[in-house]
Amino acid sequence: MTLEEGIELIKNYKKGLQKFLETLPEQAVQLGPEMINTLTMNSKNEMANLEAIEKALKRLPKYESGLN
C-alpha cells in the first residue's frame, strides 16, 4: 500500500463515520439517548484519531513512511 492509498483509505473511513453520525439521530427512538451519546462520542474520537494519523502520515518523508 502506498502512502497515497493509505491516506485515501483514511479519508473514505472518515466519510463513512461522518455519514454514520448524520444518520444516528434517526435511531434515537430505538437506541435511547445514552447509547446515542456513547456512539457519537466514540465516532468523534475515532475521527480525531484518524485525522491525527493522516496528518502524521503527510508529514513523514515517503522513504520513512513504511507504507511502500
Protein backbone atom coordinates (compact mmCIF):
# COMPACT_ATOMS: atom_id res chain seq x y z
CA MET A 1 0.00 0.00 0.00
CA THR A 2 1.33 3.41 -0.89
CA LEU A 3 1.13 6.47 1.32
CA GLU A 4 -1.46 7.98 -1.00
CA GLU A 5 -3.60 4.82 -0.85
CA GLY A 6 -3.40 4.84 2.94
CA ILE A 7 -4.47 8.46 3.13
CA GLU A 8 -7.33 7.81 0.71
CA LEU A 9 -8.45 4.87 2.85
CA ILE A 10 -8.46 7.09 5.94
CA LYS A 11 -10.47 9.77 4.10
CA ASN A 12 -13.06 7.22 3.00
CA TYR A 13 -13.36 5.82 6.52
CA LYS A 14 -13.82 9.34 7.90
CA LYS A 15 -16.59 9.95 5.33
CA GLY A 16 -18.30 6.76 6.49
CA LEU A 17 -18.09 7.83 10.13
CA GLN A 18 -19.47 11.27 9.27
CA LYS A 19 -22.41 9.68 7.45
CA PHE A 20 -22.98 7.42 10.47
CA LEU A 21 -23.04 10.49 12.75
CA GLU A 22 -25.50 12.23 10.44
CA THR A 23 -27.94 9.31 10.49
CA LEU A 24 -27.52 8.50 14.19
CA PRO A 25 -30.26 10.86 15.46
CA GLU A 26 -32.78 8.93 13.35
CA GLN A 27 -32.05 5.87 15.50
CA ALA A 28 -32.71 7.66 18.83
CA VAL A 29 -36.09 6.02 19.44
CA GLN A 30 -34.71 2.50 19.02
CA LEU A 31 -31.35 3.03 20.78
CA GLY A 32 -32.11 5.54 23.51
CA PRO A 33 -30.29 8.77 24.35
CA GLU A 34 -27.45 7.21 26.36
CA MET A 35 -26.47 4.86 23.54
CA ILE A 36 -26.69 7.71 21.02
CA ASN A 37 -24.36 9.84 23.18
CA THR A 38 -21.90 6.96 23.55
CA LEU A 39 -21.86 6.18 19.82
CA THR A 40 -21.49 9.87 18.98
CA MET A 41 -18.55 10.34 21.35
CA ASN A 42 -16.84 7.18 20.14
CA SER A 43 -17.27 8.16 16.50
CA LYS A 44 -15.95 11.68 17.08
CA ASN A 45 -12.94 10.30 18.97
CA GLU A 46 -12.26 7.87 16.16
CA MET A 47 -12.45 10.67 13.59
CA ALA A 48 -9.98 12.75 15.64
CA ASN A 49 -7.61 9.77 15.80
CA LEU A 50 -7.86 9.25 12.04
CA GLU A 51 -7.14 12.92 11.42
CA ALA A 52 -4.06 12.74 13.64
CA ILE A 53 -2.81 9.66 11.79
CA GLU A 54 -3.47 11.33 8.44
CA LYS A 55 -1.51 14.46 9.48
CA ALA A 56 1.38 12.34 10.74
CA LEU A 57 1.49 10.36 7.50
CA LYS A 58 1.54 13.51 5.42
CA ARG A 59 4.50 14.88 7.43
CA LEU A 60 6.65 11.77 7.00
CA PRO A 61 9.03 11.63 4.07
CA LYS A 62 7.94 8.86 1.69
CA TYR A 63 11.04 6.79 2.29
CA GLU A 64 10.37 6.70 6.05
CA SER A 65 6.64 6.03 5.97
CA GLY A 66 6.96 2.24 5.84
CA LEU A 67 3.85 2.01 3.66
CA ASN A 68 5.63 1.36 0.36
